[in-house]
Amino acid sequence: MGRWIKANKGFLVLLMCFGLFRTAVADWNPIPSGSMRPNLVEGDVVFVNRLAYNVKIPLTDVVLAELAQPRRGDVVTFSSPLDGTRLIKRLVAVPGDTVEMRDEVLIINGEAAHYGAPEALQEAVADLGQTVGATRLTEQVQGHERRVQWLHGVTARSSFAPITVPEGEYLVLGDNRDNSADSRYIGLVPRHLLIGRALGVLVSADTGRYFLPRFERFGKAL
């Protein structure tokens, strides 16, 4: 074994450096579900900047230094406060914000989101094993804009009472509002559980068509 290690030490050092880079600097995150539709879809692989907010001890949630403040509208990866699963959602409320939802309408600091450019379509919902009607709209609130999706006839928490986000915590939602395990179900996300900010799609494969590449999504910004 010792002889093998000595003969391959260059390769082993390279692997260690690569592992350190992925756990401390930058990473990529496959999208396994439709919770961020229409902006991220199953089969996308996103590039994640792990130094967007914090410097951490590799392989831990121990923060050594804070580099920048998370902002409304950021797409973030994080460890679920419920069970530690890695998730990706949109950060919609920061410490000090008062946020609520009324019949799908997001309200931040008393400002109700404006919804426009509706698009009707049929959407497959894996959890239900069926296709349902959906509406995609442009959501504008607090100076941020994104496409979101509502599903018809799907039971979800489309309303919640006002909550003021405490210091050091964040409220996240999936863009696919009726098919997302987000802060409505798992609670607020403490800052130390944030992994990084997703910047864009590196590559994408169509999971329903033999993983054929979707070249039109390569390099798509978020």
C-alpha atoms as a PDB file:
ATOM      1  CA  MET A   1       0.000   0.000   0.000  1.00  0.00           C
ATOM      2  CA  GLY A   2       2.808   2.386   0.926  1.00  0.00           C
ATOM      3  CA  ARG A   3       4.488   1.801  -2.429  1.00  0.00           C
ATOM      4  CA  TRP A   4       1.189   2.468  -4.246  1.00  0.00           C
ATOM      5  CA  ILE A   5       0.634   5.718  -2.335  1.00  0.00           C
ATOM      6  CA  LYS A   6       4.175   6.863  -3.105  1.00  0.00           C
ATOM      7  CA  ALA A   7       3.744   6.053  -6.798  1.00  0.00           C
ATOM      8  CA  ASN A   8       0.435   7.912  -6.999  1.00  0.00           C
ATOM      9  CA  LYS A   9       0.996  10.765  -4.550  1.00  0.00           C
ATOM     10  CA  GLY A  10       0.619  13.396  -7.263  1.00  0.00           C
ATOM     11  CA  PHE A  11      -2.790  12.067  -8.207  1.00  0.00           C
ATOM     12  CA  LEU A  12      -3.826  11.801  -4.546  1.00  0.00           C
ATOM     13  CA  VAL A  13      -2.787  15.411  -3.884  1.00  0.00           C
ATOM     14  CA  LEU A  14      -4.826  16.467  -6.922  1.00  0.00           C
ATOM     15  CA  LEU A  15      -7.875  14.609  -5.557  1.00  0.00           C
ATOM     16  CA  MET A  16      -7.448  16.257  -2.160  1.00  0.00           C
ATOM     17  CA  CYS A  17      -7.192  19.709  -3.712  1.00  0.00           C
ATOM     18  CA  PHE A  18     -10.243  19.018  -5.863  1.00  0.00           C
ATOM     19  CA  GLY A  19     -12.210  17.861  -2.821  1.00  0.00           C
ATOM     20  CA  LEU A  20     -11.177  20.937  -0.849  1.00  0.00           C
ATOM     21  CA  PHE A  21     -12.206  23.173  -3.752  1.00  0.00           C
ATOM     22  CA  ARG A  22     -15.656  21.568  -3.927  1.00  0.00           C
ATOM     23  CA  THR A  23     -16.285  21.720  -0.174  1.00  0.00           C
ATOM     24  CA  ALA A  24     -14.905  25.209   0.467  1.00  0.00           C
ATOM     25  CA  VAL A  25     -14.911  27.325  -2.704  1.00  0.00           C
ATOM     26  CA  ALA A  26     -17.279  26.216  -5.469  1.00  0.00           C
ATOM     27  CA  ASP A  27     -19.531  23.284  -6.167  1.00  0.00           C
ATOM     28  CA  TRP A  28     -22.209  22.055  -8.539  1.00  0.00           C
ATOM     29  CA  ASN A  29     -25.668  20.956  -7.569  1.00  0.00           C
ATOM     30  CA  PRO A  30     -27.935  18.631  -9.604  1.00  0.00           C
ATOM     31  CA  ILE A  31     -31.630  19.554  -9.606  1.00  0.00           C
ATOM     32  CA  PRO A  32     -33.600  16.414  -8.656  1.00  0.00           C
ATOM     33  CA  SER A  33     -37.136  17.850  -8.431  1.00  0.00           C
ATOM     34  CA  GLY A  34     -39.458  20.434  -9.931  1.00  0.00           C
ATOM     35  CA  SER A  35     -39.645  22.715  -6.875  1.00  0.00           C
ATOM     36  CA  MET A  36     -37.888  25.575  -8.693  1.00  0.00           C
ATOM     37  CA  ARG A  37     -39.801  25.365 -11.970  1.00  0.00           C
ATOM     38  CA  PRO A  38     -39.931  27.175 -14.308  1.00  0.00           C
ATOM     39  CA  ASN A  39     -36.462  28.665 -13.647  1.00  0.00           C
ATOM     40  CA  LEU A  40     -34.713  25.391 -12.791  1.00  0.00           C
ATOM     41  CA  VAL A  41     -35.876  22.012 -14.051  1.00  0.00           C
ATOM     42  CA  GLU A  42     -35.028  18.400 -13.304  1.00  0.00           C
ATOM     43  CA  GLY A  43     -31.731  17.493 -14.953  1.00  0.00           C
ATOM     44  CA  ASP A  44     -30.154  20.937 -14.612  1.00  0.00           C
ATOM     45  CA  VAL A  45     -26.781  21.111 -12.870  1.00  0.00           C
ATOM     46  CA  VAL A  46     -26.151  24.524 -11.297  1.00  0.00           C
ATOM     47  CA  PHE A  47     -22.874  26.196 -10.363  1.00  0.00           C
ATOM     48  CA  VAL A  48     -22.748  27.186  -6.674  1.00  0.00           C
ATOM     49  CA  ASN A  49     -20.431  29.823  -5.214  1.00  0.00           C
ATOM     50  CA  ARG A  50     -19.681  28.572  -1.701  1.00  0.00           C
ATOM     51  CA  LEU A  51     -17.872  31.819  -0.824  1.00  0.00           C
ATOM     52  CA  ALA A  52     -20.848  34.032  -1.651  1.00  0.00           C
ATOM     53  CA  TYR A  53     -21.739  34.517   2.023  1.00  0.00           C
ATOM     54  CA  ASN A  54     -19.439  32.618   4.393  1.00  0.00           C
ATOM     55  CA  VAL A  55     -16.061  30.987   4.788  1.00  0.00           C
ATOM     56  CA  LYS A  56     -16.573  27.632   6.514  1.00  0.00           C
ATOM     57  CA  ILE A  57     -14.419  24.835   7.784  1.00  0.00           C
ATOM     58  CA  PRO A  58     -14.691  22.250   4.962  1.00  0.00           C
ATOM     59  CA  LEU A  59     -17.316  19.532   5.475  1.00  0.00           C
ATOM     60  CA  THR A  60     -18.881  21.422   8.407  1.00  0.00           C
ATOM     61  CA  ASP A  61     -21.354  24.239   9.043  1.00  0.00           C
ATOM     62  CA  VAL A  62     -18.829  26.093  11.210  1.00  0.00           C
ATOM     63  CA  VAL A  63     -18.545  29.667   9.894  1.00  0.00           C
ATOM     64  CA  LEU A  64     -15.060  31.198  10.114  1.00  0.00           C
ATOM     65  CA  ALA A  65     -15.941  34.538   8.523  1.00  0.00           C
ATOM     66  CA  GLU A  66     -18.926  36.278   6.953  1.00  0.00           C
ATOM     67  CA  LEU A  67     -18.121  37.683   3.512  1.00  0.00           C
ATOM     68  CA  ALA A  68     -21.419  39.216   2.338  1.00  0.00           C
ATOM     69  CA  GLN A  69     -25.076  39.427   3.267  1.00  0.00           C
ATOM     70  CA  PRO A  70     -27.614  37.166   1.536  1.00  0.00           C
ATOM     71  CA  ARG A  71     -30.074  39.242  -0.489  1.00  0.00           C
ATOM     72  CA  ARG A  72     -33.704  38.939  -1.459  1.00  0.00           C
ATOM     73  CA  GLY A  73     -34.015  37.168  -4.784  1.00  0.00           C
ATOM     74  CA  ASP A  74     -30.843  35.071  -4.426  1.00  0.00           C
ATOM     75  CA  VAL A  75     -31.159  31.403  -5.338  1.00  0.00           C
ATOM     76  CA  VAL A  76     -29.417  29.581  -2.496  1.00  0.00           C
ATOM     77  CA  THR A  77     -28.388  26.060  -1.587  1.00  0.00           C
ATOM     78  CA  PHE A  78     -28.609  25.092   2.074  1.00  0.00           C
ATOM     79  CA  SER A  79     -28.939  22.215   4.508  1.00  0.00           C
ATOM     80  CA  SER A  80     -32.533  21.716   5.590  1.00  0.00           C
ATOM     81  CA  PRO A  81     -33.022  22.693   9.255  1.00  0.00           C
ATOM     82  CA  LEU A  82     -35.455  19.776   9.442  1.00  0.00           C
ATOM     83  CA  ASP A  83     -33.259  16.846   8.385  1.00  0.00           C
ATOM     84  CA  GLY A  84     -30.041  18.170   6.835  1.00  0.00           C
ATOM     85  CA  THR A  85     -31.040  17.392   3.229  1.00  0.00           C
ATOM     86  CA  ARG A  86     -29.404  19.729   0.707  1.00  0.00           C
ATOM     87  CA  LEU A  87     -32.041  21.947  -0.901  1.00  0.00           C
ATOM     88  CA  ILE A  88     -32.140  24.801  -3.387  1.00  0.00           C
ATOM     89  CA  LYS A  89     -34.729  27.582  -3.105  1.00  0.00           C
ATOM     90  CA  ARG A  90     -35.164  31.316  -3.601  1.00  0.00           C
ATOM     91  CA  LEU A  91     -34.430  33.587  -0.656  1.00  0.00           C
ATOM     92  CA  VAL A  92     -37.413  35.932  -0.414  1.00  0.00           C
ATOM     93  CA  ALA A  93     -37.115  37.529   3.036  1.00  0.00           C
ATOM     94  CA  VAL A  94     -34.123  38.668   5.096  1.00  0.00           C
ATOM     95  CA  PRO A  95     -33.778  39.516   8.814  1.00  0.00           C
ATOM     96  CA  GLY A  96     -36.165  42.300   9.801  1.00  0.00           C
ATOM     97  CA  ASP A  97     -38.617  41.667   6.961  1.00  0.00           C
ATOM     98  CA  THR A  98     -42.259  41.003   7.764  1.00  0.00           C
ATOM     99  CA  VAL A  99     -43.617  38.499   5.256  1.00  0.00           C
ATOM    100  CA  GLU A 100     -46.930  36.760   4.687  1.00  0.00           C
ATOM    101  CA  MET A 101     -48.862  35.000   1.929  1.00  0.00           C
ATOM    102  CA  ARG A 102     -52.555  35.359   1.116  1.00  0.00           C
ATOM    103  CA  ASP A 103     -54.049  33.008  -1.463  1.00  0.00           C
ATOM    104  CA  GLU A 104     -50.682  32.644  -3.274  1.00  0.00           C
ATOM    105  CA  VAL A 105     -49.927  36.398  -3.145  1.00  0.00           C
ATOM    106  CA  LEU A 106     -46.601  37.152  -1.433  1.00  0.00           C
ATOM    107  CA  ILE A 107     -46.532  40.250   0.785  1.00  0.00           C
ATOM    108  CA  ILE A 108     -43.232  41.681   2.080  1.00  0.00           C
ATOM    109  CA  ASN A 109     -43.143  44.644   4.463  1.00  0.00           C
ATOM    110  CA  GLY A 110     -46.708  45.514   3.548  1.00  0.00           C
ATOM    111  CA  GLU A 111     -46.059  45.453  -0.215  1.00  0.00           C
ATOM    112  CA  ALA A 112     -48.140  42.904  -2.103  1.00  0.00           C
ATOM    113  CA  ALA A 113     -46.414  41.312  -5.083  1.00  0.00           C
ATOM    114  CA  HIS A 114     -47.671  42.213  -8.543  1.00  0.00           C
ATOM    115  CA  TYR A 115     -48.315  39.308 -10.921  1.00  0.00           C
ATOM    116  CA  GLY A 116     -48.327  39.682 -14.687  1.00  0.00           C
ATOM    117  CA  ALA A 117     -47.709  37.980 -18.039  1.00  0.00           C
ATOM    118  CA  PRO A 118     -49.739  34.839 -17.187  1.00  0.00           C
ATOM    119  CA  GLU A 119     -49.070  31.674 -19.179  1.00  0.00           C
ATOM    120  CA  ALA A 120     -51.349  28.634 -18.962  1.00  0.00           C
ATOM    121  CA  LEU A 121     -49.904  25.146 -19.433  1.00  0.00           C
ATOM    122  CA  GLN A 122     -50.084  21.514 -18.313  1.00  0.00           C
ATOM    123  CA  GLU A 123     -47.471  20.422 -15.783  1.00  0.00           C
ATOM    124  CA  ALA A 124     -46.465  16.902 -14.731  1.00  0.00           C
ATOM    125  CA  VAL A 125     -46.321  16.494 -10.940  1.00  0.00           C
ATOM    126  CA  ALA A 126     -44.141  13.520 -10.024  1.00  0.00           C
ATOM    127  CA  ASP A 127     -45.483  13.233  -6.456  1.00  0.00           C
ATOM    128  CA  LEU A 128     -49.030  12.902  -7.765  1.00  0.00           C
ATOM    129  CA  GLY A 129     -48.144  10.799 -10.781  1.00  0.00           C
ATOM    130  CA  GLN A 130     -50.340  12.944 -12.994  1.00  0.00           C
ATOM    131  CA  THR A 131     -50.478  16.111 -15.079  1.00  0.00           C
ATOM    132  CA  VAL A 132     -52.350  19.169 -13.792  1.00  0.00           C
ATOM    133  CA  GLY A 133     -53.110  22.627 -15.065  1.00  0.00           C
ATOM    134  CA  ALA A 134     -50.613  25.331 -14.138  1.00  0.00           C
ATOM    135  CA  THR A 135     -50.183  29.071 -14.480  1.00  0.00           C
ATOM    136  CA  ARG A 136     -46.804  30.776 -14.780  1.00  0.00           C
ATOM    137  CA  LEU A 137     -46.558  34.455 -13.908  1.00  0.00           C
ATOM    138  CA  THR A 138     -43.965  37.162 -13.392  1.00  0.00           C
ATOM    139  CA  GLU A 139     -43.813  38.064  -9.688  1.00  0.00           C
ATOM    140  CA  GLN A 140     -42.574  41.571  -8.819  1.00  0.00           C
ATOM    141  CA  VAL A 141     -42.013  42.636  -5.208  1.00  0.00           C
ATOM    142  CA  GLN A 142     -39.478  44.739  -3.314  1.00  0.00           C
ATOM    143  CA  GLY A 143     -37.576  45.512  -6.500  1.00  0.00           C
ATOM    144  CA  HIS A 144     -37.146  41.883  -7.557  1.00  0.00           C
ATOM    145  CA  GLU A 145     -38.709  39.999 -10.436  1.00  0.00           C
ATOM    146  CA  ARG A 146     -38.899  36.285 -11.286  1.00  0.00           C
ATOM    147  CA  ARG A 147     -41.177  33.776 -12.965  1.00  0.00           C
ATOM    148  CA  VAL A 148     -43.195  31.637 -10.561  1.00  0.00           C
ATOM    149  CA  GLN A 149     -45.665  28.835 -11.045  1.00  0.00           C
ATOM    150  CA  TRP A 150     -48.999  27.967  -9.437  1.00  0.00           C
ATOM    151  CA  LEU A 151     -50.588  24.527  -9.800  1.00  0.00           C
ATOM    152  CA  HIS A 152     -54.338  24.049 -10.067  1.00  0.00           C
ATOM    153  CA  GLY A 153     -56.139  21.654  -7.727  1.00  0.00           C
ATOM    154  CA  VAL A 154     -53.016  20.867  -5.663  1.00  0.00           C
ATOM    155  CA  THR A 155     -53.229  21.172  -1.880  1.00  0.00           C
ATOM    156  CA  ALA A 156     -50.479  23.469  -0.606  1.00  0.00           C
ATOM    157  CA  ARG A 157     -49.953  26.177   2.003  1.00  0.00           C
ATOM    158  CA  SER A 158     -50.980  29.085  -0.192  1.00  0.00           C
ATOM    159  CA  SER A 159     -51.534  31.343   2.834  1.00  0.00           C
ATOM    160  CA  PHE A 160     -49.647  31.961   6.071  1.00  0.00           C
ATOM    161  CA  ALA A 161     -49.862  34.634   8.763  1.00  0.00           C
ATOM    162  CA  PRO A 162     -47.378  37.522   8.966  1.00  0.00           C
ATOM    163  CA  ILE A 163     -43.991  36.617  10.412  1.00  0.00           C
ATOM    164  CA  THR A 164     -41.058  38.911  11.148  1.00  0.00           C
ATOM    165  CA  VAL A 165     -37.826  37.185  10.192  1.00  0.00           C
ATOM    166  CA  PRO A 166     -35.395  37.248  13.157  1.00  0.00           C
ATOM    167  CA  GLU A 167     -31.712  38.138  12.989  1.00  0.00           C
ATOM    168  CA  GLY A 168     -29.552  35.444  11.451  1.00  0.00           C
ATOM    169  CA  GLU A 169     -32.413  33.621   9.705  1.00  0.00           C
ATOM    170  CA  TYR A 170     -33.975  33.669   6.224  1.00  0.00           C
ATOM    171  CA  LEU A 171     -37.265  32.707   4.611  1.00  0.00           C
ATOM    172  CA  VAL A 172     -37.012  30.701   1.401  1.00  0.00           C
ATOM    173  CA  LEU A 173     -39.643  29.609  -1.120  1.00  0.00           C
ATOM    174  CA  GLY A 174     -39.591  27.448  -4.226  1.00  0.00           C
ATOM    175  CA  ASP A 175     -40.547  29.195  -7.455  1.00  0.00           C
ATOM    176  CA  ASN A 176     -42.969  26.305  -8.059  1.00  0.00           C
ATOM    177  CA  ARG A 177     -45.098  27.496  -5.155  1.00  0.00           C
ATOM    178  CA  ASP A 178     -47.504  24.570  -4.883  1.00  0.00           C
ATOM    179  CA  ASN A 179     -44.850  21.848  -5.133  1.00  0.00           C
ATOM    180  CA  SER A 180     -41.994  22.888  -2.865  1.00  0.00           C
ATOM    181  CA  ALA A 181     -40.792  21.847   0.603  1.00  0.00           C
ATOM    182  CA  ASP A 182     -39.663  25.320   1.694  1.00  0.00           C
ATOM    183  CA  SER A 183     -39.926  27.575   4.756  1.00  0.00           C
ATOM    184  CA  ARG A 184     -43.679  26.998   4.896  1.00  0.00           C
ATOM    185  CA  TYR A 185     -42.902  23.392   5.866  1.00  0.00           C
ATOM    186  CA  ILE A 186     -39.312  23.233   7.153  1.00  0.00           C
ATOM    187  CA  GLY A 187     -39.110  26.601   8.906  1.00  0.00           C
ATOM    188  CA  LEU A 188     -36.700  29.496   8.563  1.00  0.00           C
ATOM    189  CA  VAL A 189     -33.106  28.786   7.516  1.00  0.00           C
ATOM    190  CA  PRO A 190     -30.300  29.888   9.888  1.00  0.00           C
ATOM    191  CA  ARG A 191     -27.387  31.593   8.183  1.00  0.00           C
ATOM    192  CA  HIS A 192     -24.864  28.915   9.167  1.00  0.00           C
ATOM    193  CA  LEU A 193     -26.859  26.347   7.149  1.00  0.00           C
ATOM    194  CA  LEU A 194     -26.510  28.337   3.922  1.00  0.00           C
ATOM    195  CA  ILE A 195     -24.089  26.550   1.591  1.00  0.00           C
ATOM    196  CA  GLY A 196     -23.798  29.078  -1.217  1.00  0.00           C
ATOM    197  CA  ARG A 197     -25.433  31.047  -3.985  1.00  0.00           C
ATOM    198  CA  ALA A 198     -26.433  29.367  -7.254  1.00  0.00           C
ATOM    199  CA  LEU A 199     -25.231  31.488 -10.173  1.00  0.00           C
ATOM    200  CA  GLY A 200     -26.407  29.611 -13.248  1.00  0.00           C
ATOM    201  CA  VAL A 201     -26.910  26.344 -15.079  1.00  0.00           C
ATOM    202  CA  LEU A 202     -23.684  24.580 -16.047  1.00  0.00           C
ATOM    203  CA  VAL A 203     -25.202  21.750 -18.080  1.00  0.00           C
ATOM    204  CA  SER A 204     -28.629  20.160 -18.439  1.00  0.00           C
ATOM    205  CA  ALA A 205     -29.980  16.777 -19.486  1.00  0.00           C
ATOM    206  CA  ASP A 206     -33.554  15.837 -20.296  1.00  0.00           C
ATOM    207  CA  THR A 207     -34.376  13.194 -17.684  1.00  0.00           C
ATOM    208  CA  GLY A 208     -37.486  12.161 -19.590  1.00  0.00           C
ATOM    209  CA  ARG A 209     -35.682  11.597 -22.904  1.00  0.00           C
ATOM    210  CA  TYR A 210     -32.741   9.302 -22.125  1.00  0.00           C
ATOM    211  CA  PHE A 211     -30.744  12.182 -20.595  1.00  0.00           C
ATOM    212  CA  LEU A 212     -30.213  13.883 -23.924  1.00  0.00           C
ATOM    213  CA  PRO A 213     -28.401  17.209 -23.469  1.00  0.00           C
ATOM    214  CA  ARG A 214     -30.523  20.363 -23.457  1.00  0.00           C
ATOM    215  CA  PHE A 215     -27.972  22.686 -25.010  1.00  0.00           C
ATOM    216  CA  GLU A 216     -30.336  25.653 -24.870  1.00  0.00           C
ATOM    217  CA  ARG A 217     -30.062  25.590 -21.051  1.00  0.00           C
ATOM    218  CA  PHE A 218     -26.245  25.419 -20.897  1.00  0.00           C
ATOM    219  CA  GLY A 219     -24.947  28.619 -19.282  1.00  0.00           C
ATOM    220  CA  LYS A 220     -28.418  29.921 -18.362  1.00  0.00           C
ATOM    221  CA  ALA A 221     -28.079  32.624 -15.685  1.00  0.00           C
ATOM    222  CA  LEU A 222     -30.307  32.807 -12.590  1.00  0.00           C
END
